[in-house]
Amino acid sequence: MASILEKELTHKPLKEEIYDALHRHIIAGKYGPGDWLRQEDIASQMGVSMTPVREALDLLVASGLAERVPYRGVRVREMSTKDIVEAYGMRLVLEAMIARDAAMNVTPQQAAGLKKILDEMKRHVKLNEMPKERQLSREFHAAIAEASGNDLLIKLYAVVANAFPDWLLYEALYRIPNLLTSSVAQTFEEHTAILNSLIKHDVNKAVQASIEHVLDSGKWLEEYLNVPAEMLREKEQQVMHLIRKSK
């Protein structure tokens, strides 16, 4: 009988199929923070050789979901509270900077691409589609970074996006599925507000909508990952002070 992981293989390049399957299992909580992802076990379960599994694990590490421990292997990433708060603060800063530049520089073609991603997200609203929704959300924000036209910001954002524990927030939907409908609807509304402000080249609204979107994730960090509220509020105050002074 084929294993659960083996059944999930589709028709992409094999390393991407394996990555997608592992990604789904991590978000669904079937692998938790600190769990080891053993190449031999995964290859056996999926009925594949070690090489594509190793390549898939490299993709997981690059995406921020896993970490490679020298001489030991790859495990699902563990993040300290300090790590999470620092990534949250950096994302607040970068989202504001990117929104400002994107509102000034976005082209009609880029705006159309962003709308296409949002339209695709509307079609993925079921619990088992959350890995795809997460991927599309990342593509949406990465496309906004590209629209900024600022090469350094684009590179910095890729690093910070991989450090931000959004996959743990998605995992909360599996633990508390009654959150799904309201969460998906709110995310779509916030993404739409960002896109509309970019299309209008409204810098102030683009920055505000982007900040509010990240602040909403801060509420999730507090409520579902038990990040202390005082640490989040302190980081928010520091960042908002910097943003106000830069105007």
Protein backbone atom coordinates (compact mmCIF):
# COMPACT_ATOMS: atom_id res chain seq x y z
CA MET A 1 0.00 0.00 0.00
CA ALA A 2 1.34 3.43 -0.93
CA SER A 3 2.21 5.70 1.99
CA ILE A 4 0.45 9.02 2.57
CA LEU A 5 3.49 10.91 1.35
CA GLU A 6 3.82 8.75 -1.76
CA LYS A 7 0.16 9.36 -2.70
CA GLU A 8 0.75 13.10 -2.63
CA LEU A 9 3.26 13.09 -5.50
CA THR A 10 1.96 14.88 -8.60
CA HIS A 11 3.62 15.68 -11.94
CA LYS A 12 6.12 18.43 -11.12
CA PRO A 13 9.90 17.93 -11.06
CA LEU A 14 10.43 15.29 -8.40
CA LYS A 15 12.27 17.53 -5.94
CA GLU A 16 9.38 20.04 -6.09
CA GLU A 17 6.78 17.30 -5.59
CA ILE A 18 8.61 16.11 -2.49
CA TYR A 19 9.05 19.68 -1.26
CA ASP A 20 5.31 20.36 -1.70
CA ALA A 21 4.35 17.19 0.16
CA LEU A 22 6.69 17.93 3.07
CA HIS A 23 5.55 21.57 3.08
CA ARG A 24 1.91 20.47 3.45
CA HIS A 25 2.80 18.13 6.30
CA ILE A 26 4.74 20.81 8.17
CA ILE A 27 1.94 23.36 7.89
CA ALA A 28 -0.59 20.71 8.93
CA GLY A 29 1.47 20.02 12.06
CA LYS A 30 2.39 16.45 11.11
CA TYR A 31 6.00 17.54 11.52
CA GLY A 32 6.51 19.93 14.41
CA PRO A 33 9.30 22.42 15.23
CA GLY A 34 12.47 20.48 15.97
CA ASP A 35 11.36 17.26 14.25
CA TRP A 36 14.07 15.69 12.12
CA LEU A 37 13.43 15.18 8.42
CA ARG A 38 15.39 12.01 7.71
CA GLN A 39 16.35 11.54 4.07
CA GLU A 40 16.26 7.75 4.31
CA ASP A 41 12.81 7.64 5.89
CA ILE A 42 11.31 10.15 3.43
CA ALA A 43 12.84 8.38 0.42
CA SER A 44 11.44 5.06 1.65
CA GLN A 45 7.97 6.47 2.33
CA MET A 46 7.79 8.12 -1.09
CA GLY A 47 9.40 5.34 -3.03
CA VAL A 48 12.10 7.60 -4.48
CA SER A 49 15.90 7.85 -4.38
CA MET A 50 17.84 9.95 -1.90
CA THR A 51 18.92 12.61 -4.41
CA PRO A 52 15.53 14.35 -4.98
CA VAL A 53 14.82 14.12 -1.26
CA ARG A 54 18.09 15.90 -0.50
CA GLU A 55 17.22 18.56 -3.09
CA ALA A 56 13.73 18.97 -1.60
CA LEU A 57 15.24 19.42 1.86
CA ASP A 58 17.51 22.12 0.42
CA LEU A 59 14.36 23.89 -0.84
CA LEU A 60 12.77 23.64 2.62
CA VAL A 61 15.87 25.17 4.20
CA ALA A 62 15.91 27.97 1.61
CA SER A 63 12.21 28.67 2.25
CA GLY A 64 12.79 29.05 5.99
CA LEU A 65 10.70 26.08 7.08
CA ALA A 66 13.68 23.91 7.95
CA GLU A 67 17.23 24.32 9.18
CA ARG A 68 20.35 22.29 8.51
CA VAL A 69 22.31 21.25 11.59
CA PRO A 70 25.97 20.42 10.83
CA TYR A 71 26.76 16.70 11.08
CA ARG A 72 23.18 15.88 12.12
CA GLY A 73 20.83 16.62 9.24
CA VAL A 74 17.74 18.75 8.57
CA ARG A 75 14.94 19.49 10.99
CA VAL A 76 11.82 21.62 11.04
CA ARG A 77 12.91 25.05 12.09
CA GLU A 78 12.70 26.04 15.73
CA MET A 79 12.37 29.75 16.46
CA SER A 80 12.89 31.45 19.79
CA THR A 81 10.56 34.22 20.90
CA LYS A 82 13.39 36.68 20.28
CA ASP A 83 13.79 35.38 16.70
CA ILE A 84 10.08 35.81 16.01
CA VAL A 85 9.88 39.34 17.43
CA GLU A 86 12.97 40.46 15.49
CA ALA A 87 11.58 39.05 12.24
CA TYR A 88 8.25 40.74 12.94
CA GLY A 89 9.91 44.11 13.46
CA MET A 90 12.00 43.77 10.31
CA ARG A 91 8.95 42.84 8.28
CA LEU A 92 7.08 45.92 9.52
CA VAL A 93 9.95 48.14 8.40
CA LEU A 94 10.48 46.49 5.02
CA GLU A 95 6.78 46.19 4.14
CA ALA A 96 6.41 49.95 4.70
CA MET A 97 9.48 50.79 2.61
CA ILE A 98 8.50 48.41 -0.18
CA ALA A 99 4.92 49.71 -0.28
CA ARG A 100 6.18 53.27 -0.62
CA ASP A 101 8.50 52.47 -3.52
CA ALA A 102 6.00 50.12 -5.19
CA ALA A 103 3.26 52.75 -5.08
CA MET A 104 5.55 55.12 -6.95
CA ASN A 105 6.95 52.62 -9.46
CA VAL A 106 4.41 49.83 -10.09
CA THR A 107 3.60 49.32 -13.77
CA PRO A 108 0.19 48.32 -15.20
CA GLN A 109 1.65 44.92 -16.07
CA GLN A 110 2.86 44.37 -12.51
CA ALA A 111 -0.50 45.48 -11.10
CA ALA A 112 -2.23 43.01 -13.42
CA GLY A 113 0.09 40.27 -12.18
CA LEU A 114 -0.75 41.08 -8.56
CA LYS A 115 -4.47 40.95 -9.34
CA LYS A 116 -3.99 37.57 -11.02
CA ILE A 117 -2.39 36.21 -7.85
CA LEU A 118 -5.28 37.54 -5.73
CA ASP A 119 -7.82 35.95 -8.08
CA GLU A 120 -5.99 32.65 -7.73
CA MET A 121 -6.00 32.97 -3.94
CA LYS A 122 -9.80 33.29 -3.99
CA ARG A 123 -9.94 29.76 -5.40
CA HIS A 124 -7.95 28.24 -2.53
CA VAL A 125 -10.00 28.65 0.63
CA LYS A 126 -10.28 25.09 1.99
CA LEU A 127 -8.20 23.82 4.89
CA ASN A 128 -6.25 21.35 2.75
CA GLU A 129 -5.44 24.20 0.33
CA MET A 130 -3.70 26.36 2.92
CA PRO A 131 -0.18 25.38 1.76
CA LYS A 132 -1.11 26.67 -1.71
CA GLU A 133 -2.68 29.79 -0.20
CA ARG A 134 0.50 30.40 1.78
CA GLN A 135 2.58 30.04 -1.35
CA LEU A 136 0.37 32.49 -3.25
CA SER A 137 0.51 34.97 -0.38
CA ARG A 138 4.29 34.85 -0.49
CA GLU A 139 4.22 35.32 -4.26
CA PHE A 140 1.95 38.35 -3.81
CA HIS A 141 4.30 40.05 -1.38
CA ALA A 142 7.38 39.11 -3.39
CA ALA A 143 5.74 40.63 -6.49
CA ILE A 144 5.15 43.88 -4.59
CA ALA A 145 8.83 43.88 -3.64
CA GLU A 146 9.71 43.43 -7.31
CA ALA A 147 7.42 46.34 -8.20
CA SER A 148 9.42 48.59 -5.87
CA GLY A 149 12.28 48.48 -8.36
CA ASN A 150 14.72 48.55 -5.42
CA ASP A 151 17.12 45.61 -5.86
CA LEU A 152 18.49 45.79 -2.32
CA LEU A 153 15.01 45.89 -0.79
CA ILE A 154 14.04 42.87 -2.89
CA LYS A 155 16.99 40.87 -1.55
CA LEU A 156 16.44 41.97 2.05
CA TYR A 157 12.75 41.13 1.85
CA ALA A 158 13.50 37.59 0.65
CA VAL A 159 15.69 37.03 3.71
CA VAL A 160 13.15 38.48 6.15
CA ALA A 161 10.21 36.65 4.56
CA ASN A 162 12.02 33.35 5.08
CA ALA A 163 12.69 34.29 8.71
CA PHE A 164 9.08 35.22 9.48
CA PRO A 165 7.12 32.27 10.99
CA ASP A 166 4.01 32.57 8.81
CA TRP A 167 3.95 28.79 8.38
CA LEU A 168 3.36 28.44 12.12
CA LEU A 169 0.42 30.84 11.84
CA TYR A 170 -1.04 28.74 9.02
CA GLU A 171 -0.56 25.66 11.19
CA ALA A 172 -2.86 27.31 13.75
CA LEU A 173 -5.69 27.00 11.23
CA TYR A 174 -5.32 23.22 11.36
CA ARG A 175 -5.49 23.26 15.14
CA ILE A 176 -8.47 25.68 15.19
CA PRO A 177 -10.28 25.15 11.85
CA ASN A 178 -13.20 27.42 12.73
CA LEU A 179 -10.79 30.34 12.21
CA LEU A 180 -10.41 29.49 8.53
CA THR A 181 -13.27 31.42 6.92
CA SER A 182 -12.71 34.69 8.78
CA SER A 183 -8.92 34.47 8.39
CA VAL A 184 -9.04 33.89 4.64
CA ALA A 185 -11.59 36.67 4.16
CA GLN A 186 -9.58 39.15 6.22
CA THR A 187 -6.34 38.33 4.42
CA PHE A 188 -8.02 38.79 1.04
CA GLU A 189 -9.50 42.13 2.15
CA GLU A 190 -6.11 43.37 3.37
CA HIS A 191 -4.34 42.24 0.19
CA THR A 192 -7.00 43.96 -1.91
CA ALA A 193 -6.55 47.22 0.03
CA ILE A 194 -2.81 47.09 -0.64
CA LEU A 195 -3.30 46.39 -4.34
CA ASN A 196 -5.88 49.16 -4.79
CA SER A 197 -3.57 51.72 -3.20
CA LEU A 198 -0.71 50.61 -5.45
CA ILE A 199 -2.87 50.89 -8.57
CA LYS A 200 -3.78 54.46 -7.55
CA HIS A 201 -0.11 55.22 -6.77
CA ASP A 202 -1.29 56.38 -3.35
CA VAL A 203 1.91 56.17 -1.29
CA ASN A 204 0.37 56.97 2.10
CA LYS A 205 -2.47 54.48 1.76
CA ALA A 206 -0.13 51.80 0.43
CA VAL A 207 2.17 52.19 3.43
CA GLN A 208 -0.75 52.25 5.88
CA ALA A 209 -2.45 49.21 4.36
CA SER A 210 0.81 47.25 4.39
CA ILE A 211 1.54 48.13 8.01
CA GLU A 212 -1.99 47.16 9.08
CA HIS A 213 -1.58 43.83 7.29
CA VAL A 214 1.59 43.01 9.23
CA LEU A 215 0.11 44.30 12.51
CA ASP A 216 -2.71 41.82 12.03
CA SER A 217 -0.17 39.00 11.90
CA GLY A 218 1.21 40.38 15.16
CA LYS A 219 -2.15 39.66 16.80
CA TRP A 220 -1.86 36.08 15.60
CA LEU A 221 1.67 35.81 16.98
CA GLU A 222 0.34 36.88 20.35
CA GLU A 223 -2.79 34.77 20.41
CA TYR A 224 -1.72 31.53 18.72
CA LEU A 225 2.06 31.38 19.20
CA ASN A 226 1.99 32.88 22.71
CA VAL A 227 4.51 35.60 21.89
CA PRO A 228 4.38 38.06 24.84
CA ALA A 229 2.25 41.08 24.02
CA GLU A 230 4.68 43.48 25.68
CA MET A 231 7.52 42.37 23.38
CA LEU A 232 5.36 42.84 20.29
CA ARG A 233 4.05 46.24 21.38
CA GLU A 234 7.56 47.44 22.20
CA LYS A 235 8.79 46.39 18.75
CA GLU A 236 5.78 48.03 17.08
CA GLN A 237 6.43 51.30 18.92
CA GLN A 238 10.09 51.28 17.90
CA VAL A 239 9.24 50.66 14.26
CA MET A 240 6.37 53.15 14.08
CA HIS A 241 8.62 55.81 15.62
CA LEU A 242 11.19 55.20 12.90
CA ILE A 243 8.53 55.31 10.16
CA ARG A 244 7.03 58.55 11.45
CA LYS A 245 10.45 60.21 11.65
CA SER A 246 11.26 59.15 8.09
CA LYS A 247 8.20 60.89 6.64
